[in-house]
PDB file of N, CA and C in Angstrom:
ATOM      1  N   UNK A   1     154.780  96.366  79.158  1.00  0.00           N
ATOM      2  CA  UNK A   1     155.079  97.614  79.812  1.00  0.00           C
ATOM      3  C   UNK A   1     155.934  98.446  78.870  1.00  0.00           C
ATOM      4  N   UNK A   2     155.524  99.674  78.602  1.00  0.00           N
ATOM      5  CA  UNK A   2     156.271 100.567  77.729  1.00  0.00           C
ATOM      6  C   UNK A   2     157.426 101.190  78.506  1.00  0.00           C
ATOM      7  N   UNK A   3     158.559 101.270  77.884  1.00  0.00           N
ATOM      8  CA  UNK A   3     159.735 101.878  78.486  1.00  0.00           C
ATOM      9  C   UNK A   3     159.682 103.379  78.236  1.00  0.00           C
ATOM     10  N   UNK A   4     159.781 104.162  79.294  1.00  0.00           N
ATOM     11  CA  UNK A   4     159.695 105.616  79.185  1.00  0.00           C
ATOM     12  C   UNK A   4     161.069 106.230  79.428  1.00  0.00           C
ATOM     13  N   UNK A   5     161.247 107.493  79.053  1.00  0.00           N
ATOM     14  CA  UNK A   5     162.525 108.158  79.360  1.00  0.00           C
ATOM     15  C   UNK A   5     162.832 108.177  80.854  1.00  0.00           C
ATOM     16  N   UNK A   6     161.800 108.270  81.675  1.00  0.00           N
ATOM     17  CA  UNK A   6     162.021 108.273  83.125  1.00  0.00           C
ATOM     18  C   UNK A   6     162.561 106.932  83.602  1.00  0.00           C
ATOM     19  N   UNK A   7     162.131 105.830  82.946  1.00  0.00           N
ATOM     20  CA  UNK A   7     162.668 104.515  83.297  1.00  0.00           C
ATOM     21  C   UNK A   7     164.178 104.471  83.078  1.00  0.00           C
ATOM     22  N   UNK A   8     164.631 105.100  81.998  1.00  0.00           N
ATOM     23  CA  UNK A   8     166.071 105.136  81.738  1.00  0.00           C
ATOM     24  C   UNK A   8     166.798 105.986  82.770  1.00  0.00           C
ATOM     25  N   UNK A   9     166.201 107.129  83.112  1.00  0.00           N
ATOM     26  CA  UNK A   9     166.845 108.008  84.094  1.00  0.00           C
ATOM     27  C   UNK A   9     166.957 107.342  85.461  1.00  0.00           C
ATOM     28  N   UNK A  10     165.968 106.592  85.854  1.00  0.00           N
ATOM     29  CA  UNK A  10     165.921 106.020  87.196  1.00  0.00           C
ATOM     30  C   UNK A  10     166.540 104.624  87.284  1.00  0.00           C
ATOM     31  N   UNK A  11     167.011 104.086  86.179  1.00  0.00           N
ATOM     32  CA  UNK A  11     167.591 102.738  86.185  1.00  0.00           C
ATOM     33  C   UNK A  11     168.882 102.733  87.000  1.00  0.00           C
ATOM     34  N   UNK A  12     168.995 101.808  87.928  1.00  0.00           N
ATOM     35  CA  UNK A  12     170.192 101.639  88.752  1.00  0.00           C
ATOM     36  C   UNK A  12     170.859 100.322  88.363  1.00  0.00           C
ATOM     37  N   UNK A  13     172.158 100.365  88.178  1.00  0.00           N
ATOM     38  CA  UNK A  13     172.916  99.167  87.877  1.00  0.00           C
ATOM     39  C   UNK A  13     173.736  98.813  89.114  1.00  0.00           C
ATOM     40  N   UNK A  14     173.696  97.570  89.544  1.00  0.00           N
ATOM     41  CA  UNK A  14     174.506  97.201  90.710  1.00  0.00           C
ATOM     42  C   UNK A  14     175.992  97.227  90.368  1.00  0.00           C
ATOM     43  N   UNK A  15     176.779  97.579  91.334  1.00  0.00           N
ATOM     44  CA  UNK A  15     178.225  97.601  91.113  1.00  0.00           C
ATOM     45  C   UNK A  15     178.760  96.178  91.166  1.00  0.00           C
ATOM     46  N   UNK A  16     179.756  95.926  90.359  1.00  0.00           N
ATOM     47  CA  UNK A  16     180.354  94.592  90.341  1.00  0.00           C
ATOM     48  C   UNK A  16     181.334  94.454  91.494  1.00  0.00           C
ATOM     49  N   UNK A  17     181.451  93.261  92.043  1.00  0.00           N
ATOM     50  CA  UNK A  17     182.321  93.039  93.195  1.00  0.00           C
ATOM     51  C   UNK A  17     183.594  92.300  92.820  1.00  0.00           C
ATOM     52  N   UNK A  18     183.522  91.388  91.870  1.00  0.00           N
ATOM     53  CA  UNK A  18     184.675  90.541  91.589  1.00  0.00           C
ATOM     54  C   UNK A  18     185.449  90.943  90.335  1.00  0.00           C
ATOM     55  N   UNK A  19     184.875  91.779  89.516  1.00  0.00           N
ATOM     56  CA  UNK A  19     185.566  92.214  88.302  1.00  0.00           C
ATOM     57  C   UNK A  19     185.180  93.656  88.019  1.00  0.00           C
ATOM     58  N   UNK A  20     185.995  94.342  87.288  1.00  0.00           N
ATOM     59  CA  UNK A  20     185.666  95.746  86.993  1.00  0.00           C
ATOM     60  C   UNK A  20     184.449  95.826  86.078  1.00  0.00           C
ATOM     61  N   UNK A  21     183.586  96.816  86.310  1.00  0.00           N
ATOM     62  CA  UNK A  21     182.398  97.010  85.494  1.00  0.00           C
ATOM     63  C   UNK A  21     182.542  98.274  84.667  1.00  0.00           C
ATOM     64  N   UNK A  22     181.418  98.793  84.220  1.00  0.00           N
ATOM     65  CA  UNK A  22     181.428 100.015  83.434  1.00  0.00           C
ATOM     66  C   UNK A  22     181.622 101.220  84.354  1.00  0.00           C
ATOM     67  N   UNK A  23     182.156 102.286  83.779  1.00  0.00           N
ATOM     68  CA  UNK A  23     182.285 103.533  84.524  1.00  0.00           C
ATOM     69  C   UNK A  23     180.890 104.119  84.691  1.00  0.00           C
ATOM     70  N   UNK A  24     180.478 104.282  85.930  1.00  0.00           N
ATOM     71  CA  UNK A  24     179.123 104.737  86.226  1.00  0.00           C
ATOM     72  C   UNK A  24     178.832 106.097  85.604  1.00  0.00           C
ATOM     73  N   UNK A  25     179.785 106.994  85.612  1.00  0.00           N
ATOM     74  CA  UNK A  25     179.571 108.333  85.034  1.00  0.00           C
ATOM     75  C   UNK A  25     179.354 108.262  83.524  1.00  0.00           C
ATOM     76  N   UNK A  26     180.085 107.379  82.855  1.00  0.00           N
ATOM     77  CA  UNK A  26     179.903 107.227  81.414  1.00  0.00           C
ATOM     78  C   UNK A  26     178.518 106.660  81.089  1.00  0.00           C
ATOM     79  N   UNK A  27     178.090 105.690  81.848  1.00  0.00           N
ATOM     80  CA  UNK A  27     176.766 105.104  81.639  1.00  0.00           C
ATOM     81  C   UNK A  27     175.697 106.162  81.868  1.00  0.00           C
ATOM     82  N   UNK A  28     175.814 106.933  82.956  1.00  0.00           N
ATOM     83  CA  UNK A  28     174.835 107.981  83.250  1.00  0.00           C
ATOM     84  C   UNK A  28     174.804 109.043  82.150  1.00  0.00           C
ATOM     85  N   UNK A  29     175.972 109.457  81.658  1.00  0.00           N
ATOM     86  CA  UNK A  29     176.018 110.456  80.589  1.00  0.00           C
ATOM     87  C   UNK A  29     175.336 109.940  79.317  1.00  0.00           C
ATOM     88  N   UNK A  30     175.613 108.683  79.002  1.00  0.00           N
ATOM     89  CA  UNK A  30     175.005 108.104  77.810  1.00  0.00           C
ATOM     90  C   UNK A  30     173.491 108.003  77.961  1.00  0.00           C
ATOM     91  N   UNK A  31     173.030 107.558  79.120  1.00  0.00           N
ATOM     92  CA  UNK A  31     171.589 107.467  79.353  1.00  0.00           C
ATOM     93  C   UNK A  31     170.937 108.845  79.295  1.00  0.00           C
ATOM     94  N   UNK A  32     171.629 109.877  79.773  1.00  0.00           N
ATOM     95  CA  UNK A  32     171.098 111.238  79.681  1.00  0.00           C
ATOM     96  C   UNK A  32     170.911 111.649  78.224  1.00  0.00           C
ATOM     97  N   UNK A  33     171.867 111.297  77.374  1.00  0.00           N
ATOM     98  CA  UNK A  33     171.736 111.602  75.943  1.00  0.00           C
ATOM     99  C   UNK A  33     170.537 110.871  75.346  1.00  0.00           C
ATOM    100  N   UNK A  34     170.376 109.620  75.731  1.00  0.00           N
ATOM    101  CA  UNK A  34     169.250 108.828  75.217  1.00  0.00           C
ATOM    102  C   UNK A  34     167.929 109.457  75.642  1.00  0.00           C
ATOM    103  N   UNK A  35     167.841 109.887  76.891  1.00  0.00           N
ATOM    104  CA  UNK A  35     166.606 110.474  77.405  1.00  0.00           C
ATOM    105  C   UNK A  35     166.262 111.749  76.645  1.00  0.00           C
ATOM    106  N   UNK A  36     167.253 112.594  76.376  1.00  0.00           N
ATOM    107  CA  UNK A  36     167.002 113.839  75.640  1.00  0.00           C
ATOM    108  C   UNK A  36     166.463 113.526  74.241  1.00  0.00           C
ATOM    109  N   UNK A  37     167.100 112.598  73.556  1.00  0.00           N
ATOM    110  CA  UNK A  37     166.650 112.239  72.208  1.00  0.00           C
ATOM    111  C   UNK A  37     165.283 111.582  72.241  1.00  0.00           C
ATOM    112  N   UNK A  38     165.039 110.731  73.212  1.00  0.00           N
ATOM    113  CA  UNK A  38     163.758 110.039  73.334  1.00  0.00           C
ATOM    114  C   UNK A  38     162.635 111.042  73.557  1.00  0.00           C
ATOM    115  N   UNK A  39     162.848 111.990  74.438  1.00  0.00           N
ATOM    116  CA  UNK A  39     161.825 113.010  74.689  1.00  0.00           C
ATOM    117  C   UNK A  39     161.551 113.826  73.432  1.00  0.00           C
ATOM    118  N   UNK A  40     162.615 114.144  72.677  1.00  0.00           N
ATOM    119  CA  UNK A  40     162.432 114.888  71.432  1.00  0.00           C
ATOM    120  C   UNK A  40     161.590 114.078  70.445  1.00  0.00           C
ATOM    121  N   UNK A  41     161.872 112.792  70.343  1.00  0.00           N
ATOM    122  CA  UNK A  41     161.123 111.936  69.418  1.00  0.00           C
ATOM    123  C   UNK A  41     159.665 111.774  69.848  1.00  0.00           C
ATOM    124  N   UNK A  42     159.431 111.673  71.151  1.00  0.00           N
ATOM    125  CA  UNK A  42     158.052 111.574  71.637  1.00  0.00           C
ATOM    126  C   UNK A  42     157.288 112.847  71.300  1.00  0.00           C
ATOM    127  N   UNK A  43     157.917 114.011  71.493  1.00  0.00           N
ATOM    128  CA  UNK A  43     157.262 115.289  71.173  1.00  0.00           C
ATOM    129  C   UNK A  43     157.008 115.400  69.672  1.00  0.00           C
ATOM    130  N   UNK A  44     157.994 114.992  68.875  1.00  0.00           N
ATOM    131  CA  UNK A  44     157.821 115.031  67.420  1.00  0.00           C
ATOM    132  C   UNK A  44     156.670 114.119  66.990  1.00  0.00           C
ATOM    133  N   UNK A  45     156.578 112.947  67.594  1.00  0.00           N
ATOM    134  CA  UNK A  45     155.501 112.010  67.280  1.00  0.00           C
ATOM    135  C   UNK A  45     154.145 112.611  67.638  1.00  0.00           C
ATOM    136  N   UNK A  46     154.044 113.254  68.797  1.00  0.00           N
ATOM    137  CA  UNK A  46     152.785 113.885  69.194  1.00  0.00           C
ATOM    138  C   UNK A  46     152.422 115.024  68.245  1.00  0.00           C
ATOM    139  N   UNK A  47     153.424 115.821  67.834  1.00  0.00           N
ATOM    140  CA  UNK A  47     153.169 116.912  66.888  1.00  0.00           C
ATOM    141  C   UNK A  47     152.686 116.377  65.540  1.00  0.00           C
ATOM    142  N   UNK A  48     153.315 115.315  65.072  1.00  0.00           N
ATOM    143  CA  UNK A  48     152.910 114.735  63.791  1.00  0.00           C
ATOM    144  C   UNK A  48     151.518 114.119  63.865  1.00  0.00           C
ATOM    145  N   UNK A  49     151.191 113.505  64.992  1.00  0.00           N
ATOM    146  CA  UNK A  49     149.852 112.931  65.145  1.00  0.00           C
ATOM    147  C   UNK A  49     148.801 114.040  65.142  1.00  0.00           C
ATOM    148  N   UNK A  50     149.092 115.162  65.808  1.00  0.00           N
ATOM    149  CA  UNK A  50     148.152 116.288  65.817  1.00  0.00           C
ATOM    150  C   UNK A  50     148.018 116.877  64.415  1.00  0.00           C
ATOM    151  N   UNK A  51     149.119 117.006  63.697  1.00  0.00           N
ATOM    152  CA  UNK A  51     149.088 117.535  62.324  1.00  0.00           C
ATOM    153  C   UNK A  51     148.294 116.589  61.419  1.00  0.00           C
ATOM    154  N   UNK A  52     148.496 115.304  61.580  1.00  0.00           N
ATOM    155  CA  UNK A  52     147.761 114.315  60.793  1.00  0.00           C
ATOM    156  C   UNK A  52     146.262 114.423  61.053  1.00  0.00           C
ATOM    157  N   UNK A  53     145.895 114.551  62.306  1.00  0.00           N
ATOM    158  CA  UNK A  53     144.478 114.680  62.654  1.00  0.00           C
ATOM    159  C   UNK A  53     143.883 115.950  62.046  1.00  0.00           C
ATOM    160  N   UNK A  54     144.636 117.045  62.110  1.00  0.00           N
ATOM    161  CA  UNK A  54     144.162 118.302  61.536  1.00  0.00           C
ATOM    162  C   UNK A  54     143.965 118.180  60.020  1.00  0.00           C
ATOM    163  N   UNK A  55     144.922 117.586  59.348  1.00  0.00           N
ATOM    164  CA  UNK A  55     144.807 117.414  57.891  1.00  0.00           C
ATOM    165  C   UNK A  55     143.667 116.464  57.529  1.00  0.00           C
ATOM    166  N   UNK A  56     143.468 115.429  58.340  1.00  0.00           N
ATOM    167  CA  UNK A  56     142.375 114.500  58.077  1.00  0.00           C
ATOM    168  C   UNK A  56     141.030 115.199  58.217  1.00  0.00           C
ATOM    169  N   UNK A  57     140.899 116.080  59.218  1.00  0.00           N
ATOM    170  CA  UNK A  57     139.656 116.828  59.390  1.00  0.00           C
ATOM    171  C   UNK A  57     139.420 117.756  58.203  1.00  0.00           C
ATOM    172  N   UNK A  58     140.492 118.402  57.719  1.00  0.00           N
ATOM    173  CA  UNK A  58     140.351 119.264  56.546  1.00  0.00           C
ATOM    174  C   UNK A  58     139.894 118.457  55.342  1.00  0.00           C
ATOM    175  N   UNK A  59     140.478 117.294  55.167  1.00  0.00           N
ATOM    176  CA  UNK A  59     140.108 116.444  54.037  1.00  0.00           C
ATOM    177  C   UNK A  59     138.671 115.964  54.160  1.00  0.00           C
ATOM    178  N   UNK A  60     138.271 115.576  55.360  1.00  0.00           N
ATOM    179  CA  UNK A  60     136.904 115.099  55.572  1.00  0.00           C
ATOM    180  C   UNK A  60     135.872 116.196  55.334  1.00  0.00           C
ATOM    181  N   UNK A  61     136.229 117.439  55.606  1.00  0.00           N
ATOM    182  CA  UNK A  61     135.296 118.553  55.467  1.00  0.00           C
ATOM    183  C   UNK A  61     135.369 119.237  54.106  1.00  0.00           C
ATOM    184  N   UNK A  62     136.249 118.801  53.230  1.00  0.00           N
ATOM    185  CA  UNK A  62     136.400 119.410  51.911  1.00  0.00           C
ATOM    186  C   UNK A  62     135.244 118.944  51.019  1.00  0.00           C
ATOM    187  N   UNK A  63     134.455 119.872  50.483  1.00  0.00           N
ATOM    188  CA  UNK A  63     133.308 119.475  49.661  1.00  0.00           C
ATOM    189  C   UNK A  63     133.696 118.769  48.364  1.00  0.00           C
ATOM    190  N   UNK A  64     134.928 118.910  47.929  1.00  0.00           N
ATOM    191  CA  UNK A  64     135.344 118.226  46.697  1.00  0.00           C
ATOM    192  C   UNK A  64     135.473 116.728  46.894  1.00  0.00           C
ATOM    193  N   UNK A  65     135.507 116.265  48.136  1.00  0.00           N
ATOM    194  CA  UNK A  65     135.683 114.846  48.402  1.00  0.00           C
ATOM    195  C   UNK A  65     134.398 114.180  48.895  1.00  0.00           C
ATOM    196  N   UNK A  66     133.275 114.825  48.691  1.00  0.00           N
ATOM    197  CA  UNK A  66     131.999 114.261  49.112  1.00  0.00           C
ATOM    198  C   UNK A  66     131.370 113.563  47.913  1.00  0.00           C
ATOM    199  N   UNK A  67     131.007 112.315  48.083  1.00  0.00           N
ATOM    200  CA  UNK A  67     130.391 111.563  47.002  1.00  0.00           C
ATOM    201  C   UNK A  67     128.907 111.864  46.940  1.00  0.00           C
ATOM    202  N   UNK A  68     128.356 111.970  45.748  1.00  0.00           N
ATOM    203  CA  UNK A  68     126.911 112.147  45.636  1.00  0.00           C
ATOM    204  C   UNK A  68     126.194 110.924  46.204  1.00  0.00           C
ATOM    205  N   UNK A  69     124.993 111.143  46.709  1.00  0.00           N
ATOM    206  CA  UNK A  69     124.228 110.047  47.306  1.00  0.00           C
ATOM    207  C   UNK A  69     124.012 108.900  46.326  1.00  0.00           C
ATOM    208  N   UNK A  70     123.854 109.207  45.056  1.00  0.00           N
ATOM    209  CA  UNK A  70     123.592 108.155  44.088  1.00  0.00           C
ATOM    210  C   UNK A  70     124.800 107.244  43.880  1.00  0.00           C
ATOM    211  N   UNK A  71     126.011 107.699  44.258  1.00  0.00           N
ATOM    212  CA  UNK A  71     127.203 106.889  44.063  1.00  0.00           C
ATOM    213  C   UNK A  71     127.767 106.334  45.363  1.00  0.00           C
ATOM    214  N   UNK A  72     127.204 106.707  46.496  1.00  0.00           N
ATOM    215  CA  UNK A  72     127.798 106.304  47.762  1.00  0.00           C
ATOM    216  C   UNK A  72     127.777 104.804  47.969  1.00  0.00           C
ATOM    217  N   UNK A  73     126.821 104.104  47.410  1.00  0.00           N
ATOM    218  CA  UNK A  73     126.746 102.658  47.582  1.00  0.00           C
ATOM    219  C   UNK A  73     127.175 101.905  46.329  1.00  0.00           C
ATOM    220  N   UNK A  74     127.711 102.607  45.350  1.00  0.00           N
ATOM    221  CA  UNK A  74     128.050 101.966  44.090  1.00  0.00           C
ATOM    222  C   UNK A  74     129.434 101.325  44.102  1.00  0.00           C
ATOM    223  N   UNK A  75     130.185 101.482  45.194  1.00  0.00           N
ATOM    224  CA  UNK A  75     131.514 100.902  45.261  1.00  0.00           C
ATOM    225  C   UNK A  75     132.538 101.650  44.440  1.00  0.00           C
ATOM    226  N   UNK A  76     132.274 102.910  44.154  1.00  0.00           N
ATOM    227  CA  UNK A  76     133.208 103.700  43.367  1.00  0.00           C
ATOM    228  C   UNK A  76     134.086 104.512  44.311  1.00  0.00           C
ATOM    229  N   UNK A  77     135.108 103.904  44.851  1.00  0.00           N
ATOM    230  CA  UNK A  77     135.972 104.634  45.772  1.00  0.00           C
ATOM    231  C   UNK A  77     136.816 105.616  44.985  1.00  0.00           C
ATOM    232  N   UNK A  78     137.126 106.733  45.616  1.00  0.00           N
ATOM    233  CA  UNK A  78     137.963 107.734  44.990  1.00  0.00           C
ATOM    234  C   UNK A  78     137.210 108.698  44.101  1.00  0.00           C
ATOM    235  N   UNK A  79     135.902 108.640  44.103  1.00  0.00           N
ATOM    236  CA  UNK A  79     135.141 109.577  43.285  1.00  0.00           C
ATOM    237  C   UNK A  79     135.375 110.977  43.808  1.00  0.00           C
ATOM    238  N   UNK A  80     135.833 111.882  42.955  1.00  0.00           N
ATOM    239  CA  UNK A  80     136.168 113.238  43.385  1.00  0.00           C
ATOM    240  C   UNK A  80     135.198 114.260  42.817  1.00  0.00           C
ATOM    241  N   UNK A  81     134.056 113.847  42.331  1.00  0.00           N
ATOM    242  CA  UNK A  81     133.060 114.782  41.847  1.00  0.00           C
ATOM    243  C   UNK A  81     133.414 115.391  40.495  1.00  0.00           C
ATOM    244  N   UNK A  82     134.169 114.700  39.680  1.00  0.00           N
ATOM    245  CA  UNK A  82     134.551 115.249  38.393  1.00  0.00           C
ATOM    246  C   UNK A  82     133.383 115.127  37.428  1.00  0.00           C
ATOM    247  N   UNK A  83     133.328 116.048  36.492  1.00  0.00           N
ATOM    248  CA  UNK A  83     132.298 116.026  35.460  1.00  0.00           C
ATOM    249  C   UNK A  83     132.896 115.419  34.195  1.00  0.00           C
ATOM    250  N   UNK A  84     132.068 114.724  33.448  1.00  0.00           N
ATOM    251  CA  UNK A  84     132.522 114.207  32.161  1.00  0.00           C
ATOM    252  C   UNK A  84     131.697 114.868  31.074  1.00  0.00           C
ATOM    253  N   UNK A  85     132.267 114.923  29.898  1.00  0.00           N
ATOM    254  CA  UNK A  85     131.506 115.477  28.786  1.00  0.00           C
ATOM    255  C   UNK A  85     131.608 114.530  27.611  1.00  0.00           C
ATOM    256  N   UNK A  86     130.582 114.519  26.812  1.00  0.00           N
ATOM    257  CA  UNK A  86     130.532 113.632  25.670  1.00  0.00           C
ATOM    258  C   UNK A  86     131.219 114.336  24.509  1.00  0.00           C
ATOM    259  N   UNK A  87     132.196 113.691  23.911  1.00  0.00           N
ATOM    260  CA  UNK A  87     132.951 114.329  22.842  1.00  0.00           C
ATOM    261  C   UNK A  87     132.512 113.887  21.460  1.00  0.00           C
ATOM    262  N   UNK A  88     131.769 112.845  21.372  1.00  0.00           N
ATOM    263  CA  UNK A  88     131.320 112.368  20.069  1.00  0.00           C
ATOM    264  C   UNK A  88     130.090 111.502  20.233  1.00  0.00           C
ATOM    265  N   UNK A  89     129.576 111.008  19.144  1.00  0.00           N
ATOM    266  CA  UNK A  89     128.406 110.148  19.222  1.00  0.00           C
ATOM    267  C   UNK A  89     128.715 108.810  18.582  1.00  0.00           C
ATOM    268  N   UNK A  90     128.020 107.820  19.040  1.00  0.00           N
ATOM    269  CA  UNK A  90     128.159 106.486  18.476  1.00  0.00           C
ATOM    270  C   UNK A  90     127.022 106.249  17.493  1.00  0.00           C
ATOM    271  N   UNK A  91     127.252 105.455  16.471  1.00  0.00           N
ATOM    272  CA  UNK A  91     126.172 105.173  15.530  1.00  0.00           C
ATOM    273  C   UNK A  91     125.060 104.390  16.228  1.00  0.00           C
ATOM    274  N   UNK A  92     123.872 104.654  15.848  1.00  0.00           N
ATOM    275  CA  UNK A  92     122.718 103.977  16.452  1.00  0.00           C
ATOM    276  C   UNK A  92     122.734 102.499  16.072  1.00  0.00           C
ATOM    277  N   UNK A  93     122.306 101.663  17.027  1.00  0.00           N
ATOM    278  CA  UNK A  93     122.236 100.228  16.773  1.00  0.00           C
ATOM    279  C   UNK A  93     120.783  99.806  16.918  1.00  0.00           C
ATOM    280  N   UNK A  94     120.448  98.741  16.194  1.00  0.00           N
ATOM    281  CA  UNK A  94     119.073  98.279  16.334  1.00  0.00           C
ATOM    282  C   UNK A  94     118.914  97.589  17.694  1.00  0.00           C
ATOM    283  N   UNK A  95     117.710  97.423  18.123  1.00  0.00           N
ATOM    284  CA  UNK A  95     117.400  96.918  19.455  1.00  0.00           C
ATOM    285  C   UNK A  95     117.845  95.474  19.652  1.00  0.00           C
ATOM    286  N   UNK A  96     118.004  94.712  18.605  1.00  0.00           N
ATOM    287  CA  UNK A  96     118.354  93.303  18.764  1.00  0.00           C
ATOM    288  C   UNK A  96     119.829  93.129  19.115  1.00  0.00           C
ATOM    289  N   UNK A  97     120.668  94.127  18.870  1.00  0.00           N
ATOM    290  CA  UNK A  97     122.082  94.046  19.198  1.00  0.00           C
ATOM    291  C   UNK A  97     122.855  93.344  18.108  1.00  0.00           C
ATOM    292  N   UNK A  98     124.153  93.298  18.245  1.00  0.00           N
ATOM    293  CA  UNK A  98     124.969  92.655  17.212  1.00  0.00           C
ATOM    294  C   UNK A  98     124.750  91.142  17.201  1.00  0.00           C
ATOM    295  N   UNK A  99     124.787  90.591  16.024  1.00  0.00           N
ATOM    296  CA  UNK A  99     124.579  89.154  15.862  1.00  0.00           C
ATOM    297  C   UNK A  99     125.940  88.480  15.692  1.00  0.00           C
ATOM    298  N   UNK A 100     126.210  87.491  16.516  1.00  0.00           N
ATOM    299  CA  UNK A 100     127.482  86.778  16.441  1.00  0.00           C
ATOM    300  C   UNK A 100     127.400  85.666  15.410  1.00  0.00           C
ATOM    301  N   UNK A 101     128.485  85.467  14.683  1.00  0.00           N
ATOM    302  CA  UNK A 101     128.563  84.389  13.706  1.00  0.00           C
ATOM    303  C   UNK A 101     129.013  83.137  14.446  1.00  0.00           C
ATOM    304  N   UNK A 102     128.175  82.109  14.565  1.00  0.00           N
ATOM    305  CA  UNK A 102     128.535  80.926  15.355  1.00  0.00           C
ATOM    306  C   UNK A 102     129.688  80.128  14.763  1.00  0.00           C
ATOM    307  N   UNK A 103     130.043  80.337  13.507  1.00  0.00           N
ATOM    308  CA  UNK A 103     131.129  79.568  12.899  1.00  0.00           C
ATOM    309  C   UNK A 103     132.498  80.185  13.197  1.00  0.00           C
ATOM    310  N   UNK A 104     132.540  81.384  13.773  1.00  0.00           N
ATOM    311  CA  UNK A 104     133.813  82.050  14.070  1.00  0.00           C
ATOM    312  C   UNK A 104     134.194  81.723  15.507  1.00  0.00           C
ATOM    313  N   UNK A 105     135.428  81.223  15.699  1.00  0.00           N
ATOM    314  CA  UNK A 105     135.901  80.912  17.048  1.00  0.00           C
ATOM    315  C   UNK A 105     137.253  81.586  17.278  1.00  0.00           C
ATOM    316  N   UNK A 106     137.658  81.618  18.539  1.00  0.00           N
ATOM    317  CA  UNK A 106     138.956  82.179  18.879  1.00  0.00           C
ATOM    318  C   UNK A 106     140.076  81.198  18.552  1.00  0.00           C
ATOM    319  N   UNK A 107     139.719  79.934  18.304  1.00  0.00           N
ATOM    320  CA  UNK A 107     140.701  78.908  17.993  1.00  0.00           C
ATOM    321  C   UNK A 107     140.334  78.267  16.651  1.00  0.00           C
ATOM    322  N   UNK A 108     140.752  78.859  15.558  1.00  0.00           N
ATOM    323  CA  UNK A 108     140.335  78.342  14.251  1.00  0.00           C
ATOM    324  C   UNK A 108     140.953  76.988  13.907  1.00  0.00           C
ATOM    325  N   UNK A 109     141.985  76.555  14.699  1.00  0.00           N
ATOM    326  CA  UNK A 109     142.609  75.264  14.405  1.00  0.00           C
ATOM    327  C   UNK A 109     141.715  74.089  14.786  1.00  0.00           C
ATOM    328  N   UNK A 110     140.702  74.316  15.592  1.00  0.00           N
ATOM    329  CA  UNK A 110     139.850  73.241  16.090  1.00  0.00           C
ATOM    330  C   UNK A 110     138.419  73.455  15.616  1.00  0.00           C
ATOM    331  N   UNK A 111     137.728  72.392  15.405  1.00  0.00           N
ATOM    332  CA  UNK A 111     136.308  72.474  15.115  1.00  0.00           C
ATOM    333  C   UNK A 111     135.585  72.866  16.381  1.00  0.00           C
ATOM    334  N   UNK A 112     134.403  73.427  16.264  1.00  0.00           N
ATOM    335  CA  UNK A 112     133.645  73.832  17.432  1.00  0.00           C
ATOM    336  C   UNK A 112     133.432  72.652  18.371  1.00  0.00           C
ATOM    337  N   UNK A 113     133.772  72.844  19.656  1.00  0.00           N
ATOM    338  CA  UNK A 113     133.569  71.820  20.669  1.00  0.00           C
ATOM    339  C   UNK A 113     134.662  70.778  20.743  1.00  0.00           C
ATOM    340  N   UNK A 114     135.749  70.894  19.959  1.00  0.00           N
ATOM    341  CA  UNK A 114     136.793  69.869  19.985  1.00  0.00           C
ATOM    342  C   UNK A 114     138.120  70.369  20.533  1.00  0.00           C
ATOM    343  N   UNK A 115     138.218  71.615  20.962  1.00  0.00           N
ATOM    344  CA  UNK A 115     139.484  72.158  21.475  1.00  0.00           C
ATOM    345  C   UNK A 115     139.811  71.487  22.806  1.00  0.00           C
ATOM    346  N   UNK A 116     141.069  71.057  23.022  1.00  0.00           N
ATOM    347  CA  UNK A 116     141.444  70.413  24.298  1.00  0.00           C
ATOM    348  C   UNK A 116     141.227  71.366  25.470  1.00  0.00           C
ATOM    349  N   UNK A 117     140.912  70.801  26.632  1.00  0.00           N
ATOM    350  CA  UNK A 117     140.653  71.605  27.792  1.00  0.00           C
ATOM    351  C   UNK A 117     141.908  72.320  28.287  1.00  0.00           C
ATOM    352  N   UNK A 118     143.052  71.722  28.092  1.00  0.00           N
ATOM    353  CA  UNK A 118     144.297  72.339  28.537  1.00  0.00           C
ATOM    354  C   UNK A 118     145.332  72.168  27.455  1.00  0.00           C
ATOM    355  N   UNK A 119     145.880  73.276  26.999  1.00  0.00           N
ATOM    356  CA  UNK A 119     146.916  73.202  25.992  1.00  0.00           C
ATOM    357  C   UNK A 119     148.260  73.396  26.663  1.00  0.00           C
ATOM    358  N   UNK A 120     149.265  72.716  26.171  1.00  0.00           N
ATOM    359  CA  UNK A 120     150.595  72.841  26.785  1.00  0.00           C
ATOM    360  C   UNK A 120     151.505  73.608  25.877  1.00  0.00           C
TER     361      UNK A 120
END
């Protein structure tokens, strides 16, 4: 159950019989202050939610944030429709691709196939 400002206003505290309790007027004044602030916060929250919804609609309808159909399923989130341009050219390569030298390894201290599985 959500606690509302009206719940605070309507809350009744029983009076104590055997020992002195709180001053009822002080408690009521304090609860009145809480209710005023609570209502202000609820209104502010509603205003912010409406503003958020309005901004989200603007963002959703902005053509700069629409992904082209060819990229919609490519998993490229955040695509903003930017254009790229080619600034230079790469040298042509033959169709076979680069040939790797099998004698070159990332670990020259070991012969091929003899490097330990875990180094400490």
